[in-house]
Amino acid sequence: MNILLYVAQVASLGATNFTVDAPLAAPTAAPTFVDEFDATMIDRMKWRFDTSRNAAGWYNNERQYYAEARRENARIEDGALVIEARRETLTKARFSDWGGQAYTSAKLVTRAPLGYGFYEVRAKLPCGRGAWPAIWMLPSTGTWPDMGEIDIMEMVGWDANVIHATLHTGAFNHAKGTQRGAQRRVATACTAFHRYQLEWRADTITVGVDGRAYMRVKNDQPGGAAAWPFTRPYELILNLAVGGDWGGKKGIDDRAFPQRLTVDYVRYWKR
């Protein structure tokens, strides 16, 4: 990626000022983009691995090394994608871009950018203290936060079962304390699969879970692109970070690792 990211989410990320409660139904037509993860291997025509910051270290003071197509960290298992974060030390002899991290994980990014439409990711989340799973979107180029960021689902293990949906832009982001979002408690987020959903329209972004919206942000603020940069396709990202300014706010419980983000399917309907 040709992306210069500023410091991303920190402990104050969980904005609650755009809460809504409304139905949110997936389309009945066939999806435009879909991965049911029913093959034996991750489809490299659909997904790439982001390893770009391994040597320098990842943003937010995160503690993981993101492996490239390493089965221990990303694999298809029982009809689902498993992203596994592990407590382990690598070597530069085998991993030339290893930056000294004490944890490994994986970060998958769609090869094709996706735009307006409906997204649904059915997933079961990890809840160990120090785990930081995310389902989110960024454009392939730009400077954060001006480029915009759509967080469909984030959760930190020390606050298990509380999911967050957030938007970041040049005018509205956590660094200014103006990020727009909401949170929702999902009592079985760590023990059962749930459908994390996004409806992205030109004038509205709505995020929900299991057919119920809990965050809605409208394109109704002055500021042009600084307020609403969501006018071009973004890439969908699935990752499991370890520690960091938010995920590691209350430390990392090494006894809880390995931790898994399990994804049953990814579906996208273009609008």
Protein backbone atom coordinates (compact mmCIF):
# COMPACT_ATOMS: atom_id res chain seq x y z
CA MET A 1 0.00 0.00 0.00
CA ASN A 2 1.12 3.53 -0.70
CA ILE A 3 -0.36 4.79 2.58
CA LEU A 4 1.06 7.16 5.15
CA LEU A 5 -1.06 6.53 8.20
CA TYR A 6 -1.09 8.84 11.15
CA VAL A 7 -1.45 7.28 14.58
CA ALA A 8 -4.71 5.31 14.37
CA GLN A 9 -7.14 4.36 17.08
CA VAL A 10 -6.29 4.90 20.75
CA ALA A 11 -8.11 4.38 24.00
CA SER A 12 -10.68 7.08 23.29
CA LEU A 13 -11.78 5.56 19.99
CA GLY A 14 -15.16 4.31 21.14
CA ALA A 15 -17.40 7.20 20.14
CA THR A 16 -21.05 6.88 21.12
CA ASN A 17 -22.58 10.01 19.63
CA PHE A 18 -24.12 8.50 16.49
CA THR A 19 -26.20 5.69 17.94
CA VAL A 20 -29.25 4.44 16.05
CA ASP A 21 -31.58 1.48 16.38
CA ALA A 22 -33.09 0.38 13.07
CA PRO A 23 -33.43 -2.70 10.83
CA LEU A 24 -30.48 -3.48 8.57
CA ALA A 25 -31.16 -6.28 6.09
CA ALA A 26 -28.76 -7.79 3.58
CA PRO A 27 -29.90 -7.85 -0.06
CA THR A 28 -31.51 -11.04 -1.34
CA ALA A 29 -29.63 -11.00 -4.67
CA ALA A 30 -26.36 -12.84 -5.24
CA PRO A 31 -23.34 -10.95 -3.82
CA THR A 32 -20.97 -9.06 -6.13
CA PHE A 33 -17.94 -10.23 -4.15
CA VAL A 34 -18.00 -13.27 -1.90
CA ASP A 35 -15.63 -15.60 -0.12
CA GLU A 36 -17.25 -18.48 1.77
CA PHE A 37 -13.81 -19.87 2.72
CA ASP A 38 -14.84 -23.34 1.62
CA ALA A 39 -11.62 -24.06 -0.31
CA THR A 40 -8.52 -25.68 1.15
CA MET A 41 -6.36 -22.55 0.95
CA ILE A 42 -6.81 -18.80 1.14
CA ASP A 43 -7.70 -17.45 -2.31
CA ARG A 44 -4.74 -15.25 -3.27
CA MET A 45 -6.72 -13.85 -6.19
CA LYS A 46 -9.09 -12.28 -3.67
CA TRP A 47 -6.75 -11.49 -0.79
CA ARG A 48 -3.25 -10.19 -0.20
CA PHE A 49 -1.25 -10.10 3.03
CA ASP A 50 -0.14 -6.72 4.35
CA THR A 51 3.35 -7.02 5.85
CA SER A 52 4.52 -3.52 5.01
CA ARG A 53 5.34 -2.31 8.54
CA ASN A 54 6.89 -5.44 10.02
CA ALA A 55 10.45 -4.16 10.08
CA ALA A 56 9.62 -0.62 11.19
CA GLY A 57 6.84 -1.63 13.59
CA TRP A 58 3.09 -1.22 13.25
CA TYR A 59 1.07 1.86 14.11
CA ASN A 60 -0.55 2.43 17.49
CA ASN A 61 2.44 0.77 19.18
CA GLU A 62 0.99 -2.61 18.28
CA ARG A 63 3.12 -5.59 19.19
CA GLN A 64 2.51 -8.10 16.37
CA TYR A 65 4.42 -9.27 13.32
CA TYR A 66 2.06 -9.85 10.38
CA ALA A 67 3.12 -12.99 8.55
CA GLU A 68 2.89 -13.56 4.80
CA ALA A 69 0.86 -16.68 3.98
CA ARG A 70 2.05 -18.54 7.10
CA ARG A 71 -0.35 -21.30 8.03
CA GLU A 72 0.22 -20.84 11.74
CA ASN A 73 -1.28 -17.34 11.43
CA ALA A 74 -3.81 -17.59 8.58
CA ARG A 75 -5.54 -20.64 7.16
CA ILE A 76 -8.82 -22.19 6.07
CA GLU A 77 -10.13 -24.54 8.73
CA ASP A 78 -13.53 -26.27 8.84
CA GLY A 79 -14.96 -23.93 6.20
CA ALA A 80 -13.79 -20.71 7.83
CA LEU A 81 -10.87 -18.32 7.69
CA VAL A 82 -8.80 -18.44 10.88
CA ILE A 83 -6.49 -15.54 11.71
CA GLU A 84 -4.45 -16.61 14.72
CA ALA A 85 -2.29 -14.42 16.94
CA ARG A 86 0.48 -16.31 18.72
CA ARG A 87 3.01 -15.56 21.41
CA GLU A 88 6.26 -16.54 19.75
CA THR A 89 9.65 -15.17 18.77
CA LEU A 90 10.85 -15.44 15.18
CA THR A 91 14.33 -15.01 13.69
CA LYS A 92 15.63 -12.77 10.94
CA ALA A 93 17.32 -15.79 9.42
CA ARG A 94 13.90 -17.16 8.46
CA PHE A 95 11.89 -13.91 8.38
CA SER A 96 14.03 -11.11 6.96
CA ASP A 97 11.47 -8.40 7.79
CA TRP A 98 11.01 -9.46 11.41
CA GLY A 99 11.25 -6.39 13.62
CA GLY A 100 11.79 -8.10 16.96
CA GLN A 101 8.10 -8.59 17.76
CA ALA A 102 7.10 -11.16 20.39
CA TYR A 103 3.76 -11.96 18.73
CA THR A 104 2.72 -13.10 15.27
CA SER A 105 -0.59 -12.67 13.45
CA ALA A 106 -1.97 -11.88 9.99
CA LYS A 107 -3.63 -9.02 8.13
CA LEU A 108 -5.62 -9.77 4.98
CA VAL A 109 -6.70 -7.11 2.48
CA THR A 110 -8.99 -7.49 -0.52
CA ARG A 111 -7.12 -7.18 -3.80
CA ALA A 112 -10.07 -5.42 -5.40
CA PRO A 113 -11.29 -2.14 -3.90
CA LEU A 114 -14.98 -2.14 -3.03
CA GLY A 115 -17.33 0.82 -2.92
CA TYR A 116 -20.92 1.77 -2.20
CA GLY A 117 -23.08 -1.16 -1.22
CA PHE A 118 -23.82 -3.63 1.54
CA TYR A 119 -21.18 -5.65 3.39
CA GLU A 120 -21.65 -8.61 5.69
CA VAL A 121 -18.87 -10.47 7.53
CA ARG A 122 -19.89 -13.37 9.75
CA ALA A 123 -17.25 -13.80 12.43
CA LYS A 124 -16.44 -15.01 15.93
CA LEU A 125 -14.08 -12.76 17.90
CA PRO A 126 -11.12 -13.41 20.21
CA CYS A 127 -11.47 -12.10 23.76
CA GLY A 128 -8.06 -12.57 25.39
CA ARG A 129 -6.66 -9.46 27.06
CA GLY A 130 -4.36 -7.85 24.51
CA ALA A 131 -6.26 -9.07 21.44
CA TRP A 132 -7.54 -6.38 19.06
CA PRO A 133 -9.57 -7.81 16.14
CA ALA A 134 -10.88 -5.54 13.40
CA ILE A 135 -13.01 -5.57 10.25
CA TRP A 136 -12.42 -2.24 8.55
CA MET A 137 -11.79 -0.30 5.34
CA LEU A 138 -9.21 2.09 3.88
CA PRO A 139 -8.54 3.40 0.37
CA SER A 140 -5.38 2.08 -1.29
CA THR A 141 -3.66 5.48 -1.25
CA GLY A 142 -3.71 8.61 0.84
CA THR A 143 -2.68 10.13 4.13
CA TRP A 144 -4.51 9.31 7.35
CA PRO A 145 -6.91 10.72 8.48
CA ASP A 146 -7.68 12.72 5.33
CA MET A 147 -8.07 9.50 3.33
CA GLY A 148 -10.93 8.37 5.58
CA GLU A 149 -11.39 5.15 7.52
CA ILE A 150 -14.48 2.99 8.04
CA ASP A 151 -14.35 0.69 11.06
CA ILE A 152 -17.12 -1.88 10.68
CA MET A 153 -16.13 -3.76 13.83
CA GLU A 154 -13.42 -3.36 16.42
CA MET A 155 -13.16 -4.90 19.83
CA VAL A 156 -10.45 -5.02 22.49
CA GLY A 157 -10.04 -8.09 24.65
CA TRP A 158 -9.95 -6.21 27.92
CA ASP A 159 -13.48 -4.95 27.15
CA ALA A 160 -14.80 -8.19 25.71
CA ASN A 161 -18.14 -8.35 23.91
CA VAL A 162 -18.32 -4.58 23.36
CA ILE A 163 -18.02 -3.87 19.64
CA HIS A 164 -17.29 -0.47 18.10
CA ALA A 165 -18.14 1.13 14.76
CA THR A 166 -16.29 4.34 13.94
CA LEU A 167 -15.54 6.75 11.09
CA HIS A 168 -12.34 8.79 10.88
CA THR A 169 -11.78 11.75 8.52
CA GLY A 170 -9.63 14.86 8.43
CA ALA A 171 -12.22 16.84 10.37
CA PHE A 172 -13.59 14.04 12.53
CA ASN A 173 -11.03 11.71 14.11
CA HIS A 174 -9.88 10.52 17.51
CA ALA A 175 -6.79 12.76 17.50
CA LYS A 176 -9.19 15.72 17.69
CA GLY A 177 -11.70 13.88 19.85
CA THR A 178 -14.29 14.34 17.12
CA GLN A 179 -14.54 10.80 15.74
CA ARG A 180 -18.05 9.66 14.89
CA GLY A 181 -19.30 6.26 15.91
CA ALA A 182 -21.19 4.07 18.35
CA GLN A 183 -20.78 0.91 20.35
CA ARG A 184 -22.93 -2.10 21.10
CA ARG A 185 -22.68 -4.95 23.59
CA VAL A 186 -22.91 -8.39 21.95
CA ALA A 187 -22.97 -10.87 24.84
CA THR A 188 -21.75 -13.84 22.80
CA ALA A 189 -19.30 -12.11 20.46
CA CYS A 190 -16.48 -14.38 21.66
CA THR A 191 -18.37 -17.67 21.72
CA ALA A 192 -20.68 -17.47 18.69
CA PHE A 193 -20.69 -16.15 15.13
CA HIS A 194 -22.39 -12.83 14.43
CA ARG A 195 -23.03 -10.89 11.23
CA TYR A 196 -21.14 -7.58 11.19
CA GLN A 197 -22.72 -5.33 8.58
CA LEU A 198 -22.09 -2.09 6.72
CA GLU A 199 -24.42 -0.19 4.41
CA TRP A 200 -22.37 2.41 2.56
CA ARG A 201 -24.31 4.96 0.54
CA ALA A 202 -23.17 8.23 -1.01
CA ASP A 203 -24.87 10.23 1.73
CA THR A 204 -24.98 7.80 4.68
CA ILE A 205 -22.85 5.15 6.38
CA THR A 206 -24.69 2.69 8.61
CA VAL A 207 -23.14 -0.12 10.66
CA GLY A 208 -24.96 -2.90 12.44
CA VAL A 209 -24.85 -6.45 13.74
CA ASP A 210 -27.22 -9.34 13.08
CA GLY A 211 -29.70 -7.28 11.08
CA ARG A 212 -29.90 -4.34 13.46
CA ALA A 213 -28.15 -1.01 12.86
CA TYR A 214 -26.50 0.68 15.84
CA MET A 215 -24.48 3.47 14.14
CA ARG A 216 -25.50 5.90 11.40
CA VAL A 217 -23.51 8.89 10.13
CA LYS A 218 -24.85 11.23 7.46
CA ASN A 219 -22.96 13.37 4.99
CA ASP A 220 -24.46 16.55 6.43
CA GLN A 221 -21.46 18.44 7.85
CA PRO A 222 -19.52 21.29 6.18
CA GLY A 223 -15.91 20.76 5.25
CA GLY A 224 -15.94 18.96 1.92
CA ALA A 225 -13.55 15.99 1.74
CA ALA A 226 -12.30 16.71 5.26
CA ALA A 227 -15.75 15.86 6.54
CA TRP A 228 -16.72 13.21 3.96
CA PRO A 229 -13.90 11.57 1.96
CA PHE A 230 -15.98 8.42 1.41
CA THR A 231 -16.42 8.95 -2.34
CA ARG A 232 -14.09 6.33 -3.82
CA PRO A 233 -13.68 2.55 -3.41
CA TYR A 234 -11.92 1.23 -0.30
CA GLU A 235 -10.22 -2.09 0.44
CA LEU A 236 -11.71 -4.39 3.07
CA ILE A 237 -9.29 -5.45 5.83
CA LEU A 238 -9.42 -8.36 8.27
CA ASN A 239 -6.77 -8.42 10.98
CA LEU A 240 -5.97 -9.38 14.54
CA ALA A 241 -3.57 -7.00 16.25
CA VAL A 242 -1.91 -7.55 19.62
CA GLY A 243 -1.51 -4.88 22.27
CA GLY A 244 -1.13 -1.28 21.17
CA ASP A 245 -2.37 1.99 22.60
CA TRP A 246 -5.96 0.74 22.79
CA GLY A 247 -5.74 -3.04 22.58
CA GLY A 248 -2.96 -3.13 25.15
CA LYS A 249 -4.31 -0.42 27.44
CA LYS A 250 -4.65 -2.97 30.26
CA GLY A 251 -1.71 -5.13 29.27
CA ILE A 252 -1.44 -8.44 27.44
CA ASP A 253 -2.30 -11.75 29.02
CA ASP A 254 0.22 -14.12 27.44
CA ARG A 255 -1.57 -17.09 29.02
CA ALA A 256 -4.61 -16.34 26.82
CA PHE A 257 -2.69 -16.85 23.57
CA PRO A 258 -3.07 -18.12 20.92
CA GLN A 259 -6.17 -16.07 20.07
CA ARG A 260 -8.31 -16.54 16.94
CA LEU A 261 -10.46 -14.32 14.75
CA THR A 262 -12.64 -16.79 12.83
CA VAL A 263 -14.49 -15.59 9.72
CA ASP A 264 -17.23 -17.78 8.25
CA TYR A 265 -17.76 -15.64 5.16
CA VAL A 266 -17.34 -12.21 3.56
CA ARG A 267 -20.11 -10.92 1.26
CA TYR A 268 -20.46 -7.64 -0.61
CA TRP A 269 -23.33 -6.37 -2.73
CA LYS A 270 -22.41 -3.45 -4.97
CA ARG A 271 -24.89 -0.60 -5.07
